[in-house]
N, C-alpha and C. Protein backbone atom coordinates (compact mmCIF):
# COMPACT_ATOMS: atom_id res chain seq x y z
N MET A 1 0.84 -1.20 0.00
CA MET A 1 0.00 0.00 0.00
C MET A 1 0.87 1.25 0.00
N ASN A 2 1.95 1.24 0.81
CA ASN A 2 2.84 2.37 0.84
C ASN A 2 3.52 2.60 -0.50
N LYS A 3 3.95 1.50 -1.11
CA LYS A 3 4.66 1.63 -2.39
C LYS A 3 3.76 2.20 -3.46
N ASN A 4 2.50 1.83 -3.45
CA ASN A 4 1.60 2.35 -4.46
C ASN A 4 1.43 3.85 -4.34
N ARG A 5 1.39 4.38 -3.11
CA ARG A 5 1.23 5.82 -2.94
C ARG A 5 2.48 6.56 -3.41
N VAL A 6 3.65 6.00 -3.07
CA VAL A 6 4.89 6.62 -3.52
C VAL A 6 4.95 6.63 -5.03
N LEU A 7 4.54 5.54 -5.64
CA LEU A 7 4.52 5.43 -7.09
C LEU A 7 3.70 6.55 -7.69
N THR A 8 2.51 6.79 -7.15
CA THR A 8 1.64 7.83 -7.68
C THR A 8 2.31 9.19 -7.61
N LEU A 9 2.97 9.50 -6.50
CA LEU A 9 3.62 10.79 -6.34
C LEU A 9 4.76 10.96 -7.33
N LEU A 10 5.56 9.90 -7.49
CA LEU A 10 6.69 10.00 -8.40
C LEU A 10 6.23 10.23 -9.83
N LEU A 11 5.28 9.45 -10.27
CA LEU A 11 4.81 9.58 -11.64
C LEU A 11 4.15 10.92 -11.86
N SER A 12 3.41 11.40 -10.89
CA SER A 12 2.75 12.69 -11.00
C SER A 12 3.77 13.80 -11.13
N SER A 13 4.79 13.77 -10.28
CA SER A 13 5.81 14.81 -10.32
C SER A 13 6.57 14.79 -11.64
N ILE A 14 6.92 13.60 -12.11
CA ILE A 14 7.69 13.48 -13.34
C ILE A 14 6.88 14.00 -14.52
N PHE A 15 5.60 13.65 -14.57
CA PHE A 15 4.76 14.09 -15.68
C PHE A 15 4.69 15.61 -15.73
N ILE A 16 4.46 16.23 -14.60
CA ILE A 16 4.30 17.68 -14.57
C ILE A 16 5.61 18.36 -14.90
N LEU A 17 6.72 17.88 -14.35
CA LEU A 17 8.00 18.48 -14.64
C LEU A 17 8.34 18.38 -16.11
N SER A 18 8.09 17.24 -16.71
CA SER A 18 8.44 17.05 -18.11
C SER A 18 7.61 17.94 -19.02
N VAL A 19 6.31 18.03 -18.74
CA VAL A 19 5.44 18.83 -19.60
C VAL A 19 5.74 20.30 -19.49
N VAL A 20 5.92 20.79 -18.25
CA VAL A 20 6.16 22.22 -18.07
C VAL A 20 7.53 22.61 -18.59
N GLY A 21 8.51 21.71 -18.46
CA GLY A 21 9.84 22.01 -18.94
C GLY A 21 9.88 22.22 -20.45
N CYS A 22 9.08 21.43 -21.17
CA CYS A 22 9.00 21.57 -22.63
C CYS A 22 10.38 21.62 -23.27
N SER A 23 11.21 20.70 -22.92
CA SER A 23 12.57 20.70 -23.43
C SER A 23 13.01 19.28 -23.69
N SER A 24 13.94 19.11 -24.62
CA SER A 24 14.44 17.78 -24.90
C SER A 24 15.46 17.34 -23.88
N VAL A 25 15.93 18.27 -23.05
CA VAL A 25 16.89 17.91 -22.02
C VAL A 25 16.15 17.46 -20.78
N THR A 26 16.87 16.86 -19.84
CA THR A 26 16.23 16.44 -18.59
C THR A 26 15.80 17.67 -17.82
N PRO A 27 14.76 17.56 -16.98
CA PRO A 27 14.20 18.73 -16.31
C PRO A 27 15.16 19.51 -15.44
N THR A 28 16.23 18.91 -14.96
CA THR A 28 17.13 19.64 -14.09
C THR A 28 18.48 19.92 -14.74
N ALA A 29 18.53 19.85 -16.06
CA ALA A 29 19.78 20.14 -16.75
C ALA A 29 19.49 20.94 -18.00
N SER A 30 20.45 21.73 -18.44
CA SER A 30 20.29 22.54 -19.64
C SER A 30 21.52 22.38 -20.51
N SER A 31 21.34 22.40 -21.82
CA SER A 31 22.46 22.23 -22.75
C SER A 31 23.22 23.53 -22.94
N SER A 32 22.73 24.63 -22.37
CA SER A 32 23.42 25.91 -22.47
C SER A 32 23.48 26.54 -21.09
N ASN A 33 24.05 27.74 -21.03
CA ASN A 33 24.15 28.45 -19.76
C ASN A 33 22.90 29.28 -19.47
N ALA A 34 21.90 29.17 -20.33
CA ALA A 34 20.68 29.95 -20.12
C ALA A 34 19.92 29.42 -18.92
N PRO A 35 19.41 30.31 -18.07
CA PRO A 35 18.63 29.86 -16.91
C PRO A 35 17.37 29.10 -17.34
N MET A 36 16.97 28.11 -16.55
CA MET A 36 15.75 27.37 -16.83
C MET A 36 14.92 27.29 -15.56
N THR A 37 13.68 27.74 -15.66
CA THR A 37 12.77 27.70 -14.53
C THR A 37 11.66 26.71 -14.83
N ILE A 38 11.40 25.82 -13.87
CA ILE A 38 10.38 24.79 -14.02
C ILE A 38 9.33 24.98 -12.94
N ILE A 39 8.09 25.10 -13.35
CA ILE A 39 6.98 25.21 -12.40
C ILE A 39 6.47 23.80 -12.13
N ALA A 40 6.48 23.41 -10.86
CA ALA A 40 6.10 22.04 -10.49
C ALA A 40 4.92 22.05 -9.54
N SER A 41 4.20 20.94 -9.56
CA SER A 41 3.09 20.74 -8.63
C SER A 41 3.01 19.26 -8.33
N GLU A 42 2.53 18.93 -7.13
CA GLU A 42 2.42 17.53 -6.73
C GLU A 42 1.00 17.23 -6.30
N ASP A 43 0.55 16.04 -6.61
CA ASP A 43 -0.82 15.63 -6.31
C ASP A 43 -0.79 14.60 -5.18
N TYR A 44 -1.19 15.04 -3.98
CA TYR A 44 -1.19 14.17 -2.81
C TYR A 44 -2.61 13.82 -2.39
N PRO A 45 -2.81 12.68 -1.76
CA PRO A 45 -4.14 12.36 -1.20
C PRO A 45 -4.40 13.22 0.03
N SER A 46 -5.67 13.47 0.32
CA SER A 46 -6.04 14.20 1.52
C SER A 46 -6.66 13.21 2.51
N TYR A 47 -6.79 13.64 3.77
CA TYR A 47 -7.24 12.76 4.84
C TYR A 47 -8.43 13.38 5.55
N ALA A 48 -9.36 12.52 5.98
CA ALA A 48 -10.63 12.99 6.55
C ALA A 48 -10.51 13.39 8.01
N SER A 49 -9.46 12.91 8.69
CA SER A 49 -9.34 13.17 10.12
C SER A 49 -7.88 13.07 10.54
N ILE A 50 -7.60 13.58 11.75
CA ILE A 50 -6.26 13.43 12.31
C ILE A 50 -5.94 11.95 12.51
N GLY A 51 -6.95 11.16 12.85
CA GLY A 51 -6.74 9.72 13.01
C GLY A 51 -6.27 9.07 11.72
N ASP A 52 -6.90 9.43 10.59
CA ASP A 52 -6.48 8.88 9.30
C ASP A 52 -5.07 9.35 8.94
N LEU A 53 -4.80 10.62 9.23
CA LEU A 53 -3.48 11.18 8.93
C LEU A 53 -2.39 10.48 9.73
N SER A 54 -2.63 10.29 11.02
CA SER A 54 -1.63 9.67 11.88
C SER A 54 -1.46 8.18 11.55
N GLU A 55 -2.53 7.53 11.13
CA GLU A 55 -2.43 6.12 10.76
C GLU A 55 -1.57 5.95 9.51
N ARG A 56 -1.69 6.89 8.58
CA ARG A 56 -0.93 6.80 7.32
C ARG A 56 0.55 7.13 7.52
N ALA A 57 0.84 8.09 8.41
CA ALA A 57 2.23 8.48 8.64
C ALA A 57 2.96 7.37 9.39
N ASN A 58 4.20 7.10 8.99
CA ASN A 58 4.98 6.13 9.76
C ASN A 58 5.92 6.83 10.74
N THR A 59 6.00 8.17 10.66
CA THR A 59 6.80 8.95 11.59
C THR A 59 6.10 10.27 11.89
N ILE A 60 5.93 10.58 13.16
CA ILE A 60 5.34 11.85 13.58
C ILE A 60 6.24 12.43 14.66
N VAL A 61 6.76 13.63 14.42
CA VAL A 61 7.71 14.22 15.37
C VAL A 61 7.42 15.71 15.57
N LYS A 62 7.91 16.19 16.68
CA LYS A 62 7.96 17.63 16.96
C LYS A 62 9.42 18.06 16.87
N GLY A 63 9.69 19.16 16.15
CA GLY A 63 11.08 19.57 16.03
C GLY A 63 11.22 20.91 15.34
N SER A 64 12.46 21.33 15.17
CA SER A 64 12.76 22.62 14.53
C SER A 64 13.88 22.45 13.52
N VAL A 65 13.91 23.34 12.54
CA VAL A 65 14.91 23.28 11.47
C VAL A 65 16.23 23.82 11.99
N ILE A 66 17.29 23.05 11.82
CA ILE A 66 18.62 23.52 12.21
C ILE A 66 19.54 23.72 11.01
N GLU A 67 19.14 23.19 9.86
CA GLU A 67 19.97 23.34 8.66
C GLU A 67 19.12 23.08 7.43
N THR A 68 19.41 23.82 6.36
CA THR A 68 18.70 23.63 5.09
C THR A 68 19.70 23.65 3.94
N ARG A 69 19.52 22.75 3.00
CA ARG A 69 20.37 22.73 1.82
C ARG A 69 19.52 22.38 0.60
N VAL A 70 20.06 22.64 -0.58
CA VAL A 70 19.40 22.28 -1.84
C VAL A 70 20.24 21.23 -2.52
N GLU A 71 19.59 20.18 -3.01
CA GLU A 71 20.33 19.04 -3.54
C GLU A 71 19.56 18.39 -4.67
N ALA A 72 20.27 17.86 -5.66
CA ALA A 72 19.65 17.08 -6.72
C ALA A 72 19.55 15.64 -6.25
N VAL A 73 18.34 15.10 -6.23
CA VAL A 73 18.10 13.74 -5.76
C VAL A 73 17.66 12.89 -6.94
N ASN A 74 18.31 11.74 -7.12
CA ASN A 74 17.98 10.84 -8.21
C ASN A 74 16.86 9.91 -7.78
N ASP A 75 15.73 9.98 -8.48
CA ASP A 75 14.59 9.12 -8.19
C ASP A 75 14.49 8.01 -9.22
N ILE A 76 14.45 6.78 -8.76
CA ILE A 76 14.22 5.65 -9.65
C ILE A 76 12.72 5.46 -9.78
N VAL A 77 12.21 5.54 -11.00
CA VAL A 77 10.79 5.45 -11.24
C VAL A 77 10.35 4.00 -11.25
N GLN A 78 9.26 3.70 -10.53
CA GLN A 78 8.71 2.36 -10.55
C GLN A 78 7.31 2.41 -11.13
N VAL A 79 6.99 1.40 -11.94
CA VAL A 79 5.67 1.34 -12.55
C VAL A 79 5.01 0.02 -12.19
N THR A 80 3.70 0.01 -12.25
CA THR A 80 2.95 -1.19 -11.92
C THR A 80 2.81 -2.08 -13.15
N ASP A 81 3.13 -3.35 -12.99
CA ASP A 81 2.96 -4.33 -14.05
C ASP A 81 1.47 -4.47 -14.34
N ALA A 82 1.08 -4.28 -15.59
CA ALA A 82 -0.35 -4.34 -15.94
C ALA A 82 -0.96 -5.70 -15.63
N ALA A 83 -0.14 -6.74 -15.68
CA ALA A 83 -0.66 -8.08 -15.42
C ALA A 83 -0.85 -8.35 -13.94
N ASN A 84 -0.20 -7.53 -13.12
CA ASN A 84 -0.31 -7.72 -11.68
C ASN A 84 -0.22 -6.35 -11.02
N GLU A 85 -1.36 -5.80 -10.63
CA GLU A 85 -1.41 -4.44 -10.13
C GLU A 85 -0.63 -4.28 -8.84
N ASN A 86 -0.37 -5.34 -8.12
CA ASN A 86 0.35 -5.24 -6.85
C ASN A 86 1.86 -5.40 -7.01
N GLU A 87 2.30 -5.66 -8.23
CA GLU A 87 3.73 -5.88 -8.45
C GLU A 87 4.33 -4.64 -9.06
N LEU A 88 5.39 -4.10 -8.42
CA LEU A 88 6.06 -2.91 -8.91
C LEU A 88 7.39 -3.29 -9.52
N THR A 89 7.67 -2.76 -10.71
CA THR A 89 8.93 -3.03 -11.37
C THR A 89 9.53 -1.73 -11.84
N PRO A 90 10.87 -1.62 -11.91
CA PRO A 90 11.48 -0.39 -12.39
C PRO A 90 11.13 -0.13 -13.85
N ALA A 91 10.81 1.12 -14.16
CA ALA A 91 10.58 1.50 -15.55
C ALA A 91 11.90 1.46 -16.29
N SER A 92 11.90 1.00 -17.53
CA SER A 92 13.15 0.86 -18.27
C SER A 92 13.08 1.59 -19.60
N ASP A 93 14.26 2.04 -20.06
CA ASP A 93 14.35 2.60 -21.39
C ASP A 93 14.54 1.46 -22.37
N PRO A 94 14.58 1.74 -23.71
CA PRO A 94 14.72 0.65 -24.69
C PRO A 94 15.96 -0.20 -24.47
N GLY A 95 16.97 0.36 -23.82
CA GLY A 95 18.20 -0.40 -23.58
C GLY A 95 18.12 -1.29 -22.37
N GLY A 96 17.02 -1.22 -21.66
CA GLY A 96 16.85 -2.08 -20.50
C GLY A 96 17.31 -1.47 -19.19
N GLU A 97 17.80 -0.22 -19.21
CA GLU A 97 18.27 0.42 -17.98
C GLU A 97 17.11 1.13 -17.29
N PRO A 98 17.12 1.20 -15.95
CA PRO A 98 16.07 1.92 -15.23
C PRO A 98 16.02 3.38 -15.66
N SER A 99 14.79 3.91 -15.79
CA SER A 99 14.61 5.30 -16.17
C SER A 99 14.61 6.15 -14.92
N SER A 100 15.46 7.19 -14.88
CA SER A 100 15.55 8.06 -13.71
C SER A 100 16.11 9.41 -14.11
N PHE A 101 15.90 10.42 -13.27
CA PHE A 101 16.55 11.70 -13.45
C PHE A 101 16.60 12.42 -12.13
N ASP A 102 17.48 13.42 -12.06
CA ASP A 102 17.61 14.19 -10.84
C ASP A 102 16.52 15.24 -10.76
N LYS A 103 15.94 15.35 -9.56
CA LYS A 103 15.01 16.44 -9.28
C LYS A 103 15.59 17.28 -8.15
N ILE A 104 15.34 18.56 -8.19
CA ILE A 104 15.91 19.45 -7.19
C ILE A 104 15.01 19.50 -5.96
N TYR A 105 15.60 19.23 -4.81
CA TYR A 105 14.86 19.27 -3.55
C TYR A 105 15.52 20.24 -2.57
N THR A 106 14.69 20.89 -1.77
CA THR A 106 15.16 21.59 -0.59
C THR A 106 15.06 20.60 0.57
N ILE A 107 16.17 20.38 1.25
CA ILE A 107 16.23 19.37 2.31
C ILE A 107 16.50 20.05 3.64
N HIS A 108 15.59 19.83 4.59
CA HIS A 108 15.70 20.42 5.92
C HIS A 108 16.17 19.36 6.91
N THR A 109 17.13 19.71 7.73
CA THR A 109 17.51 18.86 8.85
C THR A 109 16.73 19.31 10.08
N ILE A 110 15.93 18.40 10.63
CA ILE A 110 15.08 18.70 11.77
C ILE A 110 15.67 18.08 13.03
N GLN A 111 15.85 18.90 14.06
CA GLN A 111 16.24 18.36 15.35
C GLN A 111 14.97 18.02 16.12
N ILE A 112 14.86 16.76 16.52
CA ILE A 112 13.63 16.27 17.12
C ILE A 112 13.58 16.61 18.61
N ALA A 113 12.49 17.26 19.01
CA ALA A 113 12.27 17.58 20.42
C ALA A 113 11.44 16.50 21.09
N GLU A 114 10.52 15.90 20.31
CA GLU A 114 9.68 14.84 20.84
C GLU A 114 9.19 13.96 19.70
N SER A 115 9.14 12.66 19.94
CA SER A 115 8.67 11.71 18.94
C SER A 115 7.34 11.12 19.38
N TYR A 116 6.37 11.12 18.49
CA TYR A 116 5.05 10.58 18.80
C TYR A 116 4.81 9.24 18.11
N LYS A 117 5.48 9.03 16.98
CA LYS A 117 5.34 7.77 16.25
C LYS A 117 6.59 7.55 15.41
N GLY A 118 7.03 6.30 15.33
CA GLY A 118 8.19 5.98 14.52
C GLY A 118 9.40 5.62 15.36
N GLY A 119 10.52 5.42 14.70
CA GLY A 119 11.71 4.94 15.36
C GLY A 119 12.67 6.01 15.83
N TYR A 120 12.33 7.28 15.69
CA TYR A 120 13.24 8.35 16.10
C TYR A 120 13.01 8.73 17.56
N LYS A 121 14.06 9.31 18.17
CA LYS A 121 13.99 9.72 19.57
C LYS A 121 14.34 11.19 19.70
N ALA A 122 13.91 11.78 20.81
CA ALA A 122 14.24 13.18 21.09
C ALA A 122 15.75 13.37 21.09
N GLY A 123 16.21 14.45 20.45
CA GLY A 123 17.63 14.73 20.34
C GLY A 123 18.24 14.26 19.03
N GLU A 124 17.57 13.35 18.33
CA GLU A 124 18.07 12.88 17.04
C GLU A 124 17.67 13.84 15.92
N HIS A 125 18.24 13.62 14.75
CA HIS A 125 17.95 14.44 13.58
C HIS A 125 17.23 13.61 12.52
N ILE A 126 16.36 14.26 11.76
CA ILE A 126 15.74 13.62 10.62
C ILE A 126 15.74 14.62 9.47
N GLU A 127 15.99 14.14 8.25
CA GLU A 127 15.97 15.00 7.07
C GLU A 127 14.63 14.90 6.38
N VAL A 128 14.09 16.06 5.99
CA VAL A 128 12.79 16.14 5.32
C VAL A 128 12.97 16.92 4.03
N LYS A 129 12.54 16.32 2.92
CA LYS A 129 12.74 16.97 1.63
C LYS A 129 11.43 17.57 1.10
N GLN A 130 11.58 18.66 0.35
CA GLN A 130 10.46 19.29 -0.35
C GLN A 130 10.90 19.57 -1.78
N LEU A 131 10.09 19.18 -2.75
CA LEU A 131 10.42 19.40 -4.14
C LEU A 131 10.52 20.90 -4.42
N GLY A 132 11.65 21.33 -5.02
CA GLY A 132 11.84 22.73 -5.35
C GLY A 132 13.17 23.25 -4.84
N GLY A 133 13.65 24.30 -5.49
CA GLY A 133 14.92 24.92 -5.13
C GLY A 133 15.71 25.26 -6.38
N GLN A 134 16.90 25.80 -6.20
CA GLN A 134 17.72 26.20 -7.33
C GLN A 134 19.12 25.64 -7.18
N LEU A 135 19.60 25.04 -8.28
CA LEU A 135 20.97 24.57 -8.39
C LEU A 135 21.52 25.09 -9.70
N GLY A 136 22.60 25.86 -9.64
CA GLY A 136 23.16 26.41 -10.87
C GLY A 136 22.16 27.28 -11.58
N ASN A 137 21.94 27.00 -12.87
CA ASN A 137 21.01 27.79 -13.68
C ASN A 137 19.60 27.20 -13.70
N THR A 138 19.37 26.14 -12.96
CA THR A 138 18.07 25.48 -12.99
C THR A 138 17.33 25.71 -11.68
N GLU A 139 16.09 26.13 -11.80
CA GLU A 139 15.26 26.37 -10.62
C GLU A 139 13.92 25.66 -10.77
N ILE A 140 13.53 24.94 -9.75
CA ILE A 140 12.19 24.35 -9.69
C ILE A 140 11.38 25.12 -8.66
N ILE A 141 10.26 25.67 -9.10
CA ILE A 141 9.37 26.41 -8.23
C ILE A 141 8.15 25.56 -7.94
N ASN A 142 7.90 25.30 -6.68
CA ASN A 142 6.76 24.50 -6.26
C ASN A 142 5.94 25.31 -5.26
N ASP A 143 4.89 25.95 -5.74
CA ASP A 143 4.08 26.81 -4.89
C ASP A 143 3.26 26.04 -3.86
N ASP A 144 3.18 24.71 -3.99
CA ASP A 144 2.43 23.91 -3.03
C ASP A 144 3.13 23.82 -1.68
N ASN A 145 4.45 23.99 -1.68
CA ASN A 145 5.22 23.80 -0.45
C ASN A 145 5.13 25.01 0.47
N LEU A 146 5.17 24.74 1.76
CA LEU A 146 5.27 25.78 2.78
C LEU A 146 6.70 25.85 3.27
N LYS A 147 7.21 27.05 3.42
CA LYS A 147 8.59 27.20 3.86
C LYS A 147 8.71 26.87 5.36
N LEU A 148 9.71 26.08 5.68
CA LEU A 148 10.00 25.75 7.08
C LEU A 148 11.00 26.76 7.61
N ILE A 149 10.66 27.45 8.69
CA ILE A 149 11.46 28.53 9.24
C ILE A 149 12.18 28.04 10.49
N PRO A 150 13.50 28.29 10.60
CA PRO A 150 14.27 27.78 11.74
C PRO A 150 13.75 28.24 13.10
N ALA A 151 13.16 29.41 13.18
CA ALA A 151 12.75 29.95 14.48
C ALA A 151 11.49 29.29 15.04
N LYS A 152 10.83 28.44 14.25
CA LYS A 152 9.56 27.87 14.68
C LYS A 152 9.69 26.40 15.05
N ASP A 153 8.78 25.95 15.92
CA ASP A 153 8.67 24.54 16.27
C ASP A 153 7.50 23.94 15.49
N TYR A 154 7.72 22.76 14.92
CA TYR A 154 6.72 22.14 14.07
C TYR A 154 6.36 20.74 14.56
N VAL A 155 5.15 20.33 14.20
CA VAL A 155 4.78 18.92 14.26
C VAL A 155 4.64 18.46 12.82
N LEU A 156 5.36 17.38 12.47
CA LEU A 156 5.41 16.91 11.09
C LEU A 156 4.89 15.48 11.00
N PHE A 157 3.97 15.25 10.08
CA PHE A 157 3.46 13.91 9.77
C PHE A 157 4.20 13.45 8.51
N LEU A 158 5.02 12.41 8.64
CA LEU A 158 5.98 12.07 7.60
C LEU A 158 5.85 10.64 7.11
N GLU A 159 6.34 10.46 5.90
CA GLU A 159 6.64 9.12 5.39
C GLU A 159 8.14 9.05 5.19
N THR A 160 8.77 8.04 5.74
CA THR A 160 10.21 7.90 5.63
C THR A 160 10.57 6.82 4.62
N TYR A 161 11.79 6.92 4.08
CA TYR A 161 12.28 5.99 3.07
C TYR A 161 13.68 5.54 3.44
N GLU A 162 14.12 4.46 2.83
CA GLU A 162 15.44 3.92 3.15
C GLU A 162 16.57 4.76 2.57
N ASP A 163 16.40 5.26 1.34
CA ASP A 163 17.52 5.85 0.61
C ASP A 163 17.42 7.36 0.41
N THR A 164 16.30 7.97 0.73
CA THR A 164 16.15 9.40 0.54
C THR A 164 15.51 10.02 1.77
N PRO A 165 15.63 11.34 1.94
CA PRO A 165 15.00 11.99 3.10
C PRO A 165 13.49 11.79 3.12
N ALA A 166 12.91 11.96 4.29
CA ALA A 166 11.47 11.80 4.48
C ALA A 166 10.70 12.88 3.74
N SER A 167 9.39 12.66 3.58
CA SER A 167 8.51 13.64 2.95
C SER A 167 7.27 13.83 3.81
N LEU A 168 6.73 15.05 3.80
CA LEU A 168 5.43 15.30 4.41
C LEU A 168 4.37 14.52 3.64
N LEU A 169 3.34 14.04 4.33
CA LEU A 169 2.28 13.28 3.66
C LEU A 169 1.58 14.12 2.61
N ASN A 170 1.33 15.37 2.89
CA ASN A 170 0.85 16.31 1.88
C ASN A 170 1.19 17.72 2.32
N SER A 171 1.00 18.68 1.45
CA SER A 171 1.43 20.05 1.73
C SER A 171 0.40 20.86 2.50
N VAL A 172 -0.78 20.30 2.73
CA VAL A 172 -1.85 21.04 3.40
C VAL A 172 -2.05 20.58 4.83
N GLN A 173 -2.14 19.27 5.05
CA GLN A 173 -2.61 18.74 6.33
C GLN A 173 -1.52 18.22 7.26
N SER A 174 -0.29 18.10 6.81
CA SER A 174 0.69 17.35 7.60
C SER A 174 1.79 18.20 8.23
N LEU A 175 1.59 19.52 8.29
CA LEU A 175 2.58 20.40 8.92
C LEU A 175 1.86 21.38 9.85
N TYR A 176 2.29 21.40 11.13
CA TYR A 176 1.65 22.23 12.14
C TYR A 176 2.70 23.03 12.90
N VAL A 177 2.31 24.23 13.32
CA VAL A 177 3.21 25.11 14.07
C VAL A 177 2.78 25.12 15.53
N ILE A 178 3.76 25.01 16.42
CA ILE A 178 3.48 25.06 17.85
C ILE A 178 3.78 26.46 18.37
N LYS A 179 2.76 27.10 18.91
CA LYS A 179 2.93 28.42 19.51
C LYS A 179 3.16 28.26 21.01
N PRO A 180 4.08 29.07 21.56
CA PRO A 180 4.39 28.95 22.99
C PRO A 180 3.17 29.25 23.86
N ALA A 181 3.24 28.76 25.09
CA ALA A 181 2.15 29.01 26.03
C ALA A 181 2.01 30.51 26.30
N GLY A 182 0.78 30.96 26.37
CA GLY A 182 0.53 32.36 26.63
C GLY A 182 0.82 32.71 28.07
N LYS A 183 1.32 33.93 28.29
CA LYS A 183 1.65 34.38 29.63
C LYS A 183 0.58 35.34 30.16
N SER A 184 0.30 35.22 31.42
CA SER A 184 -0.71 36.06 32.05
C SER A 184 -0.11 37.41 32.42
N ASN A 185 -0.94 38.45 32.36
CA ASN A 185 -0.51 39.78 32.77
C ASN A 185 -0.65 39.98 34.28
N GLN A 186 -1.26 39.02 34.96
CA GLN A 186 -1.48 39.14 36.39
C GLN A 186 -0.21 38.76 37.15
N PRO A 187 0.16 39.56 38.16
CA PRO A 187 1.37 39.25 38.95
C PRO A 187 1.26 37.87 39.60
N GLY A 188 2.36 37.12 39.56
CA GLY A 188 2.40 35.83 40.20
C GLY A 188 1.88 34.68 39.36
N GLN A 189 1.32 34.97 38.20
CA GLN A 189 0.82 33.94 37.31
C GLN A 189 1.75 33.84 36.10
N GLN A 190 2.41 32.69 35.98
CA GLN A 190 3.42 32.50 34.95
C GLN A 190 2.82 32.33 33.56
N GLN A 191 1.74 31.56 33.45
CA GLN A 191 1.13 31.34 32.16
C GLN A 191 -0.34 31.02 32.33
N SER A 192 -1.09 31.35 31.30
CA SER A 192 -2.54 31.19 31.38
C SER A 192 -3.03 30.03 30.54
N GLN A 193 -2.19 29.48 29.68
CA GLN A 193 -2.64 28.38 28.84
C GLN A 193 -1.45 27.55 28.38
N SER A 194 -1.73 26.36 27.90
CA SER A 194 -0.67 25.50 27.40
C SER A 194 -0.34 25.87 25.96
N GLU A 195 0.61 25.13 25.39
CA GLU A 195 0.99 25.38 24.00
C GLU A 195 -0.22 25.22 23.08
N VAL A 196 -0.21 26.00 22.02
CA VAL A 196 -1.29 25.94 21.04
C VAL A 196 -0.72 25.45 19.72
N ILE A 197 -1.43 24.53 19.08
CA ILE A 197 -1.00 23.99 17.79
C ILE A 197 -1.91 24.53 16.69
N VAL A 198 -1.31 25.13 15.67
CA VAL A 198 -2.09 25.65 14.55
C VAL A 198 -1.52 25.09 13.26
N SER A 199 -2.35 24.94 12.26
CA SER A 199 -1.89 24.44 10.97
C SER A 199 -0.99 25.47 10.30
N ALA A 200 0.07 25.00 9.66
CA ALA A 200 0.95 25.89 8.90
C ALA A 200 0.29 26.36 7.61
N ASN A 201 -0.71 25.62 7.15
CA ASN A 201 -1.42 25.97 5.92
C ASN A 201 -2.84 26.40 6.26
N PRO A 202 -3.24 27.62 5.92
CA PRO A 202 -4.59 28.09 6.25
C PRO A 202 -5.70 27.32 5.55
N GLU A 203 -5.36 26.55 4.52
CA GLU A 203 -6.36 25.76 3.80
C GLU A 203 -6.67 24.43 4.49
N ASN A 204 -5.94 24.12 5.54
CA ASN A 204 -6.13 22.85 6.24
C ASN A 204 -7.45 22.86 7.02
N ASP A 205 -8.25 21.82 6.83
CA ASP A 205 -9.52 21.71 7.54
C ASP A 205 -9.42 20.81 8.77
N LEU A 206 -8.22 20.31 9.07
CA LEU A 206 -8.03 19.46 10.25
C LEU A 206 -7.44 20.27 11.40
N SER A 207 -7.91 20.01 12.59
CA SER A 207 -7.42 20.68 13.79
C SER A 207 -6.68 19.68 14.66
N LEU A 208 -5.42 19.99 14.97
CA LEU A 208 -4.58 19.10 15.77
C LEU A 208 -4.50 19.64 17.20
N GLN A 209 -4.76 18.77 18.17
CA GLN A 209 -4.70 19.14 19.57
C GLN A 209 -3.57 18.39 20.27
N LEU A 210 -3.13 18.91 21.41
CA LEU A 210 -2.12 18.22 22.20
C LEU A 210 -2.60 16.84 22.64
N THR A 211 -3.89 16.73 22.91
CA THR A 211 -4.45 15.43 23.31
C THR A 211 -4.34 14.41 22.18
N ASP A 212 -4.45 14.88 20.93
CA ASP A 212 -4.28 13.96 19.79
C ASP A 212 -2.87 13.38 19.78
N LEU A 213 -1.88 14.24 20.01
CA LEU A 213 -0.49 13.79 20.00
C LEU A 213 -0.21 12.83 21.16
N GLN A 214 -0.78 13.13 22.31
CA GLN A 214 -0.61 12.25 23.46
C GLN A 214 -1.22 10.87 23.20
N GLU A 215 -2.38 10.86 22.53
CA GLU A 215 -3.02 9.59 22.20
C GLU A 215 -2.18 8.80 21.21
N ILE A 216 -1.65 9.49 20.20
CA ILE A 216 -0.79 8.82 19.22
C ILE A 216 0.44 8.24 19.91
N GLN A 217 1.03 9.02 20.80
CA GLN A 217 2.22 8.57 21.52
C GLN A 217 1.92 7.37 22.42
N ASN A 218 0.79 7.38 23.07
CA ASN A 218 0.40 6.25 23.93
C ASN A 218 0.19 4.98 23.11
N GLU A 219 -0.42 5.13 21.94
CA GLU A 219 -0.63 3.98 21.07
C GLU A 219 0.72 3.40 20.62
N GLN A 220 1.67 4.29 20.35
CA GLN A 220 3.00 3.84 19.95
C GLN A 220 3.67 3.05 21.07
N LYS A 221 3.54 3.52 22.30
CA LYS A 221 4.16 2.84 23.43
C LYS A 221 3.53 1.47 23.68
N ASN A 222 2.25 1.35 23.38
CA ASN A 222 1.53 0.10 23.66
C ASN A 222 1.73 -0.96 22.59
N GLN A 223 2.36 -0.61 21.50
CA GLN A 223 2.58 -1.57 20.41
C GLN A 223 3.75 -2.50 20.72
């Protein structure tokens, strides 16, 4: 099930990049020194509830950005065998070699403050990639992505992979900002409320609460 979703994202991204690029060269390379800008978009599934979102994510963490870089990542494209919809095989060119190309990603290193699901622990680092960025004369612009700012604390719902950095499940529902606890103006009262979690994307129709994260974390411990 996981592989099928990844397959959909890869094929969707490749199709859009190739069409918008309108060039005989690969989307992240140019035969001349002329700048090339590629407008990209990704088609992700949406989720009906925080429960569905957390069930789909294999890693959920709270953390902040400590480093960001831009890198070309080589994606091996996999396609579904028509004779067996559950069998994935590498797409090949006429010569029999796997079909692949580099895509430009912005990669954030996240220092984890708390882990709610997955194999990571507080104090560890995880890399999260977002399609888009500039290398040399080639730039990929992806307006679907939200910029991760080092000064903020985030809750991220992620899918992790063996060979490449993790990805957010989608650009709307899987990134949340943690606002510090509010302080009271009354003498002797340190704070009037606990931390508040808000969606990083105003289009998100899901509301994440601290109790949701505690429940997810408890389920992880009980497994």
